[in-house]
């Protein structure tokens, strides 16, 4: 669920999108398509992120995307997290915003990038995948212990398993 679909306790898709923002978003999306060759799905995600943000800013009395400052953007991002949206989706939105505001700076439409000092939400690292007991038994039984190399391989696997070492270690 993106920012365009939900803001706190009220859907924001019904909030108006300023015409100046709609044109600016169109120009940005065109630039991404021409210069970067991004897929239609990626372009759609950028559009959805920016339109949702524009609507949310409008509700916060910020007239358009060009007028947004770091405090307003942080308020929007914070509202997402308080509403229970996942930090990963908020980080993706922030990535979209950073690219958009870098574009605005490059085009001379804003003088400073309001996203420059905004920190991304902390993303937890995923837990490592574990083997089932059957997987471990199959793994340990795989080496041919009738040969010296098989005995060596079995000993290495036993050591890895017993000590809890990761594959990278």
N, C-alpha and C. Protein backbone atom coordinates (compact mmCIF):
# COMPACT_ATOMS: atom_id res chain seq x y z
N UNK A 1 0.85 -1.16 0.00
CA UNK A 1 0.00 0.00 0.00
C UNK A 1 0.90 1.22 0.00
N UNK A 2 0.69 2.14 -0.90
CA UNK A 2 1.55 3.30 -1.02
C UNK A 2 0.94 4.53 -0.38
N UNK A 3 1.70 5.59 -0.38
CA UNK A 3 1.26 6.83 0.22
C UNK A 3 0.04 7.39 -0.50
N UNK A 4 -0.12 7.07 -1.77
CA UNK A 4 -1.26 7.58 -2.53
C UNK A 4 -2.56 6.96 -2.04
N UNK A 5 -2.47 5.81 -1.41
CA UNK A 5 -3.68 5.11 -1.01
C UNK A 5 -4.10 5.40 0.42
N UNK A 6 -3.17 5.83 1.28
CA UNK A 6 -3.50 5.92 2.69
C UNK A 6 -2.65 6.98 3.36
N UNK A 7 -3.25 7.77 4.20
CA UNK A 7 -2.52 8.74 5.00
C UNK A 7 -3.18 8.81 6.36
N UNK A 8 -2.56 8.21 7.34
CA UNK A 8 -3.11 8.22 8.69
C UNK A 8 -4.44 7.50 8.72
N UNK A 9 -5.51 8.24 8.96
CA UNK A 9 -6.81 7.60 9.09
C UNK A 9 -7.73 7.91 7.91
N UNK A 10 -7.20 8.55 6.86
CA UNK A 10 -8.07 8.98 5.78
C UNK A 10 -7.43 8.72 4.42
N UNK A 11 -8.18 8.14 3.48
CA UNK A 11 -7.62 7.99 2.14
C UNK A 11 -7.32 9.36 1.55
N UNK A 12 -6.21 9.48 0.83
CA UNK A 12 -5.87 10.78 0.27
C UNK A 12 -6.00 10.82 -1.24
N UNK A 13 -6.43 9.74 -1.87
CA UNK A 13 -6.59 9.74 -3.31
C UNK A 13 -7.61 10.78 -3.75
N UNK A 14 -8.55 11.15 -2.86
CA UNK A 14 -9.57 12.11 -3.21
C UNK A 14 -9.08 13.56 -3.06
N UNK A 15 -7.92 13.77 -2.42
CA UNK A 15 -7.38 15.12 -2.30
C UNK A 15 -6.97 15.62 -3.67
N UNK A 16 -7.11 16.92 -3.90
CA UNK A 16 -6.77 17.46 -5.21
C UNK A 16 -5.27 17.40 -5.47
N UNK A 17 -4.92 17.27 -6.74
CA UNK A 17 -3.53 17.31 -7.17
C UNK A 17 -3.34 18.62 -7.91
N UNK A 18 -2.52 19.53 -7.38
CA UNK A 18 -2.32 20.81 -8.08
C UNK A 18 -1.86 20.58 -9.52
N UNK A 19 -2.40 21.38 -10.44
CA UNK A 19 -2.07 21.24 -11.86
C UNK A 19 -0.57 21.40 -12.10
N UNK A 20 0.06 22.32 -11.38
CA UNK A 20 1.51 22.53 -11.56
C UNK A 20 2.28 21.26 -11.18
N UNK A 21 1.82 20.56 -10.13
CA UNK A 21 2.47 19.30 -9.74
C UNK A 21 2.25 18.23 -10.80
N UNK A 22 1.05 18.14 -11.34
CA UNK A 22 0.75 17.14 -12.36
C UNK A 22 1.68 17.32 -13.56
N UNK A 23 1.85 18.59 -14.01
CA UNK A 23 2.74 18.85 -15.15
C UNK A 23 4.19 18.52 -14.80
N UNK A 24 4.61 18.89 -13.60
CA UNK A 24 5.99 18.63 -13.18
C UNK A 24 6.27 17.13 -13.08
N UNK A 25 5.32 16.40 -12.56
CA UNK A 25 5.47 14.95 -12.47
C UNK A 25 5.54 14.34 -13.86
N UNK A 26 4.70 14.81 -14.77
CA UNK A 26 4.73 14.32 -16.16
C UNK A 26 6.11 14.55 -16.78
N UNK A 27 6.66 15.75 -16.58
CA UNK A 27 7.99 16.05 -17.13
C UNK A 27 9.05 15.12 -16.54
N UNK A 28 8.97 14.89 -15.24
CA UNK A 28 9.93 14.02 -14.57
C UNK A 28 9.82 12.59 -15.10
N UNK A 29 8.60 12.09 -15.22
CA UNK A 29 8.39 10.73 -15.72
C UNK A 29 8.90 10.61 -17.16
N UNK A 30 8.65 11.63 -17.99
CA UNK A 30 9.16 11.63 -19.36
C UNK A 30 10.68 11.57 -19.37
N UNK A 31 11.32 12.34 -18.48
CA UNK A 31 12.78 12.33 -18.40
C UNK A 31 13.28 10.93 -18.01
N UNK A 32 12.64 10.30 -17.04
CA UNK A 32 13.06 8.96 -16.63
C UNK A 32 12.93 7.96 -17.78
N UNK A 33 11.87 8.11 -18.55
CA UNK A 33 11.65 7.18 -19.66
C UNK A 33 12.70 7.41 -20.75
N UNK A 34 12.95 8.67 -21.09
CA UNK A 34 13.87 8.99 -22.18
C UNK A 34 15.32 8.73 -21.78
N UNK A 35 15.73 9.26 -20.62
CA UNK A 35 17.14 9.19 -20.23
C UNK A 35 17.53 7.88 -19.58
N UNK A 36 16.63 7.28 -18.84
CA UNK A 36 16.96 6.07 -18.09
C UNK A 36 16.35 4.80 -18.68
N UNK A 37 15.33 4.95 -19.51
CA UNK A 37 14.70 3.78 -20.12
C UNK A 37 14.03 2.86 -19.11
N UNK A 38 13.46 3.45 -18.04
CA UNK A 38 12.85 2.63 -17.00
C UNK A 38 11.57 1.96 -17.50
N UNK A 39 11.23 0.85 -16.87
CA UNK A 39 10.05 0.10 -17.27
C UNK A 39 8.77 0.85 -16.92
N UNK A 40 7.69 0.47 -17.57
CA UNK A 40 6.39 1.10 -17.31
C UNK A 40 5.98 0.92 -15.85
N UNK A 41 6.27 -0.24 -15.28
CA UNK A 41 5.91 -0.50 -13.89
C UNK A 41 6.68 0.42 -12.94
N UNK A 42 7.97 0.61 -13.21
CA UNK A 42 8.78 1.51 -12.38
C UNK A 42 8.31 2.94 -12.52
N UNK A 43 8.02 3.36 -13.74
CA UNK A 43 7.52 4.73 -13.97
C UNK A 43 6.18 4.94 -13.26
N UNK A 44 5.34 3.92 -13.29
CA UNK A 44 4.05 4.00 -12.60
C UNK A 44 4.24 4.14 -11.09
N UNK A 45 5.23 3.43 -10.55
CA UNK A 45 5.51 3.53 -9.11
C UNK A 45 6.00 4.92 -8.75
N UNK A 46 6.89 5.49 -9.57
CA UNK A 46 7.34 6.86 -9.34
C UNK A 46 6.16 7.83 -9.37
N UNK A 47 5.31 7.69 -10.38
CA UNK A 47 4.16 8.59 -10.51
C UNK A 47 3.25 8.47 -9.28
N UNK A 48 2.96 7.26 -8.88
CA UNK A 48 2.09 7.03 -7.72
C UNK A 48 2.70 7.65 -6.46
N UNK A 49 4.00 7.45 -6.25
CA UNK A 49 4.67 8.02 -5.08
C UNK A 49 4.57 9.54 -5.07
N UNK A 50 4.88 10.15 -6.19
CA UNK A 50 4.90 11.61 -6.26
C UNK A 50 3.51 12.22 -6.18
N UNK A 51 2.53 11.61 -6.83
CA UNK A 51 1.17 12.12 -6.75
C UNK A 51 0.63 11.99 -5.33
N UNK A 52 0.91 10.87 -4.69
CA UNK A 52 0.49 10.69 -3.30
C UNK A 52 1.13 11.70 -2.37
N UNK A 53 2.42 11.94 -2.57
CA UNK A 53 3.10 12.93 -1.75
C UNK A 53 2.52 14.32 -1.99
N UNK A 54 2.28 14.67 -3.25
CA UNK A 54 1.72 15.99 -3.57
C UNK A 54 0.37 16.18 -2.88
N UNK A 55 -0.45 15.14 -2.89
CA UNK A 55 -1.75 15.23 -2.22
C UNK A 55 -1.59 15.38 -0.71
N UNK A 56 -0.67 14.65 -0.15
CA UNK A 56 -0.45 14.72 1.29
C UNK A 56 0.11 16.10 1.67
N UNK A 57 1.02 16.63 0.87
CA UNK A 57 1.56 17.97 1.14
C UNK A 57 0.46 19.02 1.04
N UNK A 58 -0.43 18.86 0.07
CA UNK A 58 -1.54 19.80 -0.10
C UNK A 58 -2.41 19.83 1.16
N UNK A 59 -2.64 18.66 1.74
CA UNK A 59 -3.41 18.58 2.98
C UNK A 59 -2.68 19.24 4.14
N UNK A 60 -1.35 19.31 4.05
CA UNK A 60 -0.54 19.97 5.09
C UNK A 60 -0.35 21.46 4.80
N UNK A 61 -1.12 21.98 3.85
CA UNK A 61 -1.07 23.39 3.47
C UNK A 61 0.20 23.77 2.71
N UNK A 62 0.90 22.80 2.12
CA UNK A 62 2.03 23.08 1.25
C UNK A 62 1.46 23.12 -0.16
N UNK A 63 1.57 24.26 -0.85
CA UNK A 63 0.84 24.43 -2.11
C UNK A 63 1.27 23.50 -3.25
N UNK A 64 2.56 23.13 -3.30
CA UNK A 64 3.02 22.27 -4.39
C UNK A 64 4.34 21.61 -4.02
N UNK A 65 4.78 20.68 -4.86
CA UNK A 65 6.01 19.93 -4.60
C UNK A 65 7.24 20.84 -4.56
N UNK A 66 7.26 21.87 -5.37
CA UNK A 66 8.41 22.78 -5.42
C UNK A 66 8.55 23.53 -4.10
N UNK A 67 7.45 23.80 -3.42
CA UNK A 67 7.47 24.55 -2.17
C UNK A 67 7.80 23.70 -0.95
N UNK A 68 7.84 22.41 -1.10
CA UNK A 68 8.06 21.52 0.05
C UNK A 68 9.47 21.70 0.58
N UNK A 69 9.57 21.73 1.91
CA UNK A 69 10.88 21.76 2.54
C UNK A 69 11.11 20.44 3.27
N UNK A 70 12.29 20.31 3.86
CA UNK A 70 12.65 19.06 4.51
C UNK A 70 11.68 18.72 5.64
N UNK A 71 11.24 19.72 6.39
CA UNK A 71 10.32 19.46 7.51
C UNK A 71 9.00 18.88 7.02
N UNK A 72 8.47 19.44 5.93
CA UNK A 72 7.20 18.93 5.39
C UNK A 72 7.36 17.50 4.88
N UNK A 73 8.47 17.24 4.19
CA UNK A 73 8.70 15.89 3.68
C UNK A 73 8.89 14.91 4.82
N UNK A 74 9.60 15.31 5.86
CA UNK A 74 9.78 14.43 7.02
C UNK A 74 8.45 14.16 7.71
N UNK A 75 7.58 15.16 7.76
CA UNK A 75 6.26 14.96 8.36
C UNK A 75 5.47 13.92 7.57
N UNK A 76 5.55 13.98 6.25
CA UNK A 76 4.84 13.00 5.42
C UNK A 76 5.41 11.60 5.61
N UNK A 77 6.73 11.50 5.63
CA UNK A 77 7.37 10.19 5.81
C UNK A 77 7.07 9.64 7.20
N UNK A 78 7.11 10.51 8.21
CA UNK A 78 6.81 10.08 9.57
C UNK A 78 5.38 9.60 9.72
N UNK A 79 4.45 10.28 9.03
CA UNK A 79 3.04 9.87 9.09
C UNK A 79 2.86 8.47 8.54
N UNK A 80 3.62 8.14 7.50
CA UNK A 80 3.55 6.79 6.93
C UNK A 80 3.97 5.75 7.97
N UNK A 81 5.08 6.01 8.64
CA UNK A 81 5.58 5.06 9.62
C UNK A 81 4.62 4.94 10.80
N UNK A 82 4.07 6.07 11.26
CA UNK A 82 3.11 6.04 12.37
C UNK A 82 1.83 5.33 11.98
N UNK A 83 1.48 5.36 10.70
CA UNK A 83 0.28 4.69 10.23
C UNK A 83 0.49 3.18 10.11
N UNK A 84 1.73 2.74 10.36
CA UNK A 84 2.00 1.31 10.33
C UNK A 84 2.53 0.79 9.02
N UNK A 85 2.82 1.68 8.08
CA UNK A 85 3.39 1.22 6.81
C UNK A 85 4.83 0.79 7.04
N UNK A 86 5.27 -0.15 6.28
CA UNK A 86 6.58 -0.75 6.49
C UNK A 86 7.71 0.23 6.16
N UNK A 87 8.79 0.20 6.94
CA UNK A 87 9.93 1.07 6.67
C UNK A 87 10.50 0.87 5.26
N UNK A 88 10.44 -0.33 4.74
CA UNK A 88 10.99 -0.59 3.41
C UNK A 88 10.23 0.20 2.34
N UNK A 89 8.90 0.29 2.45
CA UNK A 89 8.13 1.05 1.46
C UNK A 89 8.38 2.55 1.63
N UNK A 90 8.60 2.99 2.86
CA UNK A 90 8.92 4.40 3.09
C UNK A 90 10.31 4.71 2.55
N UNK A 91 11.24 3.79 2.67
CA UNK A 91 12.59 3.99 2.12
C UNK A 91 12.52 4.06 0.59
N UNK A 92 11.65 3.26 -0.01
CA UNK A 92 11.49 3.31 -1.47
C UNK A 92 10.91 4.66 -1.88
N UNK A 93 9.93 5.15 -1.13
CA UNK A 93 9.37 6.47 -1.41
C UNK A 93 10.45 7.54 -1.30
N UNK A 94 11.25 7.47 -0.27
CA UNK A 94 12.32 8.46 -0.09
C UNK A 94 13.31 8.40 -1.26
N UNK A 95 13.58 7.22 -1.75
CA UNK A 95 14.45 7.08 -2.91
C UNK A 95 13.83 7.77 -4.13
N UNK A 96 12.54 7.62 -4.32
CA UNK A 96 11.83 8.31 -5.42
C UNK A 96 11.93 9.82 -5.24
N UNK A 97 11.73 10.27 -4.02
CA UNK A 97 11.77 11.71 -3.75
C UNK A 97 13.17 12.28 -3.99
N UNK A 98 14.17 11.54 -3.60
CA UNK A 98 15.54 12.01 -3.82
C UNK A 98 15.82 12.18 -5.31
N UNK A 99 15.43 11.22 -6.08
CA UNK A 99 15.65 11.31 -7.53
C UNK A 99 14.86 12.49 -8.11
N UNK A 100 13.63 12.67 -7.66
CA UNK A 100 12.79 13.75 -8.15
C UNK A 100 13.39 15.12 -7.80
N UNK A 101 13.80 15.30 -6.56
CA UNK A 101 14.34 16.61 -6.16
C UNK A 101 15.72 16.86 -6.76
N UNK A 102 16.50 15.84 -7.01
CA UNK A 102 17.77 16.04 -7.75
C UNK A 102 17.46 16.53 -9.17
N UNK A 103 16.41 15.98 -9.75
CA UNK A 103 15.97 16.44 -11.08
C UNK A 103 15.56 17.91 -11.02
N UNK A 104 14.80 18.31 -9.99
CA UNK A 104 14.36 19.69 -9.87
C UNK A 104 15.55 20.64 -9.71
N UNK A 105 16.55 20.22 -8.95
CA UNK A 105 17.76 21.04 -8.78
C UNK A 105 18.47 21.17 -10.12
N UNK A 106 18.62 20.06 -10.82
CA UNK A 106 19.29 20.06 -12.12
C UNK A 106 18.60 20.97 -13.13
N UNK A 107 17.27 20.99 -13.07
CA UNK A 107 16.49 21.82 -13.98
C UNK A 107 16.39 23.27 -13.51
N UNK A 108 16.92 23.57 -12.34
CA UNK A 108 16.87 24.93 -11.82
C UNK A 108 15.53 25.33 -11.26
N UNK A 109 14.67 24.37 -10.95
CA UNK A 109 13.34 24.66 -10.42
C UNK A 109 13.35 24.86 -8.91
N UNK A 110 14.33 24.27 -8.23
CA UNK A 110 14.57 24.52 -6.80
C UNK A 110 16.07 24.74 -6.63
N UNK A 111 16.43 25.49 -5.59
CA UNK A 111 17.84 25.79 -5.37
C UNK A 111 18.54 24.74 -4.52
N UNK A 112 17.82 24.14 -3.59
CA UNK A 112 18.40 23.11 -2.74
C UNK A 112 17.51 21.89 -2.71
N UNK A 113 18.12 20.77 -2.47
CA UNK A 113 17.41 19.49 -2.40
C UNK A 113 16.91 19.28 -0.97
N UNK A 114 15.58 19.33 -0.72
CA UNK A 114 15.09 19.16 0.64
C UNK A 114 15.25 17.73 1.18
N UNK A 115 15.57 16.79 0.32
CA UNK A 115 15.74 15.41 0.79
C UNK A 115 17.18 15.10 1.18
N UNK A 116 18.09 16.04 0.95
CA UNK A 116 19.52 15.78 1.12
C UNK A 116 19.87 15.33 2.53
N UNK A 117 19.22 15.90 3.54
CA UNK A 117 19.58 15.57 4.93
C UNK A 117 18.60 14.62 5.60
N UNK A 118 17.61 14.14 4.85
CA UNK A 118 16.64 13.21 5.43
C UNK A 118 17.25 11.81 5.44
N UNK A 119 17.26 11.20 6.61
CA UNK A 119 17.80 9.85 6.73
C UNK A 119 16.74 8.82 6.37
N UNK A 120 17.19 7.76 5.74
CA UNK A 120 16.28 6.66 5.41
C UNK A 120 15.90 5.93 6.70
N UNK A 121 14.70 5.37 6.73
CA UNK A 121 14.32 4.57 7.90
C UNK A 121 15.23 3.35 8.00
N UNK A 122 15.48 2.96 9.21
CA UNK A 122 16.33 1.78 9.43
C UNK A 122 15.59 0.53 8.97
N UNK A 123 16.30 -0.22 8.14
CA UNK A 123 15.72 -1.46 7.64
C UNK A 123 16.41 -2.62 8.34
N UNK A 124 15.63 -3.46 8.96
CA UNK A 124 16.21 -4.62 9.62
C UNK A 124 16.78 -5.59 8.60
N UNK A 125 17.82 -6.25 9.02
CA UNK A 125 18.39 -7.25 8.13
C UNK A 125 17.57 -8.54 8.25
N UNK A 126 17.31 -9.20 7.14
CA UNK A 126 16.52 -10.43 7.23
C UNK A 126 17.31 -11.53 7.95
N UNK A 127 16.58 -12.34 8.67
CA UNK A 127 17.21 -13.47 9.36
C UNK A 127 17.69 -14.48 8.33
N UNK A 128 18.80 -15.16 8.65
CA UNK A 128 19.29 -16.15 7.69
C UNK A 128 18.34 -17.33 7.59
N UNK A 129 18.34 -17.96 6.44
CA UNK A 129 17.53 -19.15 6.22
C UNK A 129 18.19 -20.31 6.97
N UNK A 130 17.37 -21.15 7.57
CA UNK A 130 17.90 -22.30 8.29
C UNK A 130 17.50 -23.58 7.59
N UNK A 131 18.27 -24.63 7.85
CA UNK A 131 17.99 -25.94 7.27
C UNK A 131 17.09 -26.74 8.19
N UNK A 132 16.24 -27.55 7.60
CA UNK A 132 15.44 -28.46 8.41
C UNK A 132 16.34 -29.61 8.84
N UNK A 133 15.86 -30.40 9.79
CA UNK A 133 16.64 -31.55 10.26
C UNK A 133 16.89 -32.54 9.11
N UNK A 134 15.88 -32.72 8.27
CA UNK A 134 16.03 -33.62 7.12
C UNK A 134 17.08 -33.09 6.14
N UNK A 135 17.08 -31.76 5.93
CA UNK A 135 18.08 -31.16 5.04
C UNK A 135 19.49 -31.39 5.57
N UNK A 136 19.65 -31.24 6.88
CA UNK A 136 20.97 -31.43 7.50
C UNK A 136 21.41 -32.89 7.34
N UNK A 137 20.49 -33.81 7.58
CA UNK A 137 20.84 -35.23 7.44
C UNK A 137 21.24 -35.56 6.00
N UNK A 138 20.52 -35.01 5.03
CA UNK A 138 20.87 -35.24 3.62
C UNK A 138 22.23 -34.64 3.29
N UNK A 139 22.48 -33.44 3.80
CA UNK A 139 23.76 -32.76 3.55
C UNK A 139 24.92 -33.57 4.13
N UNK A 140 24.77 -34.01 5.36
CA UNK A 140 25.84 -34.77 6.00
C UNK A 140 26.02 -36.15 5.38
N UNK A 141 24.96 -36.68 4.81
CA UNK A 141 25.04 -38.00 4.19
C UNK A 141 25.50 -37.96 2.74
N UNK A 142 25.65 -36.79 2.17
CA UNK A 142 26.01 -36.66 0.75
C UNK A 142 27.43 -37.13 0.42
N UNK A 143 28.43 -36.80 1.22
CA UNK A 143 29.79 -37.23 0.85
C UNK A 143 29.93 -38.76 0.91
N UNK A 144 30.71 -39.29 -0.03
CA UNK A 144 31.00 -40.73 -0.06
C UNK A 144 32.11 -41.00 0.94
N UNK A 145 31.74 -41.52 2.11
CA UNK A 145 32.72 -41.74 3.18
C UNK A 145 33.58 -42.97 2.95
N UNK A 146 33.35 -43.66 1.83
CA UNK A 146 34.20 -44.79 1.48
C UNK A 146 35.52 -44.33 0.87
N UNK A 147 35.62 -43.06 0.56
CA UNK A 147 36.85 -42.50 -0.02
C UNK A 147 37.41 -41.45 0.92
N UNK A 148 38.71 -41.19 0.81
CA UNK A 148 39.35 -40.24 1.72
C UNK A 148 38.80 -38.81 1.50
N UNK A 149 38.53 -38.43 0.25
CA UNK A 149 37.97 -37.10 0.01
C UNK A 149 36.56 -36.99 0.59
N UNK A 150 35.82 -38.06 0.57
CA UNK A 150 34.49 -38.07 1.15
C UNK A 150 34.54 -37.91 2.66
N UNK A 151 35.53 -38.57 3.29
CA UNK A 151 35.71 -38.42 4.74
C UNK A 151 36.07 -36.96 5.07
N UNK A 152 36.95 -36.39 4.25
CA UNK A 152 37.34 -34.99 4.47
C UNK A 152 36.12 -34.07 4.35
N UNK A 153 35.32 -34.27 3.28
CA UNK A 153 34.14 -33.44 3.06
C UNK A 153 33.15 -33.57 4.21
N UNK A 154 32.95 -34.81 4.67
CA UNK A 154 32.03 -35.04 5.78
C UNK A 154 32.52 -34.34 7.05
N UNK A 155 33.82 -34.40 7.29
CA UNK A 155 34.39 -33.73 8.47
C UNK A 155 34.21 -32.22 8.38
N UNK A 156 34.41 -31.66 7.18
CA UNK A 156 34.21 -30.21 7.02
C UNK A 156 32.76 -29.83 7.26
N UNK A 157 31.83 -30.61 6.71
CA UNK A 157 30.41 -30.32 6.90
C UNK A 157 30.00 -30.44 8.36
N UNK A 158 30.51 -31.46 9.03
CA UNK A 158 30.23 -31.64 10.47
C UNK A 158 30.75 -30.45 11.26
N UNK A 159 31.95 -29.98 10.92
CA UNK A 159 32.54 -28.83 11.62
C UNK A 159 31.70 -27.58 11.40
N UNK A 160 31.31 -27.32 10.15
CA UNK A 160 30.48 -26.16 9.84
C UNK A 160 29.16 -26.21 10.62
N UNK A 161 28.53 -27.37 10.60
CA UNK A 161 27.24 -27.50 11.25
C UNK A 161 27.36 -27.38 12.77
N UNK A 162 28.35 -28.06 13.37
CA UNK A 162 28.50 -28.09 14.81
C UNK A 162 28.91 -26.72 15.37
N UNK A 163 29.66 -25.94 14.59
CA UNK A 163 30.13 -24.65 15.11
C UNK A 163 29.21 -23.50 14.74
N UNK A 164 28.25 -23.74 13.87
CA UNK A 164 27.32 -22.69 13.48
C UNK A 164 27.90 -21.67 12.54
N UNK A 165 28.96 -22.03 11.84
CA UNK A 165 29.58 -21.11 10.89
C UNK A 165 28.67 -20.84 9.71
N UNK A 166 28.78 -19.64 9.18
CA UNK A 166 28.03 -19.28 7.98
C UNK A 166 28.83 -19.74 6.77
N UNK A 167 28.16 -19.85 5.64
CA UNK A 167 28.83 -20.26 4.41
C UNK A 167 29.95 -19.29 4.08
N UNK A 168 29.71 -17.99 4.27
CA UNK A 168 30.72 -16.98 3.95
C UNK A 168 31.94 -17.06 4.84
N UNK A 169 31.79 -17.65 6.03
CA UNK A 169 32.92 -17.74 6.95
C UNK A 169 33.77 -18.95 6.63
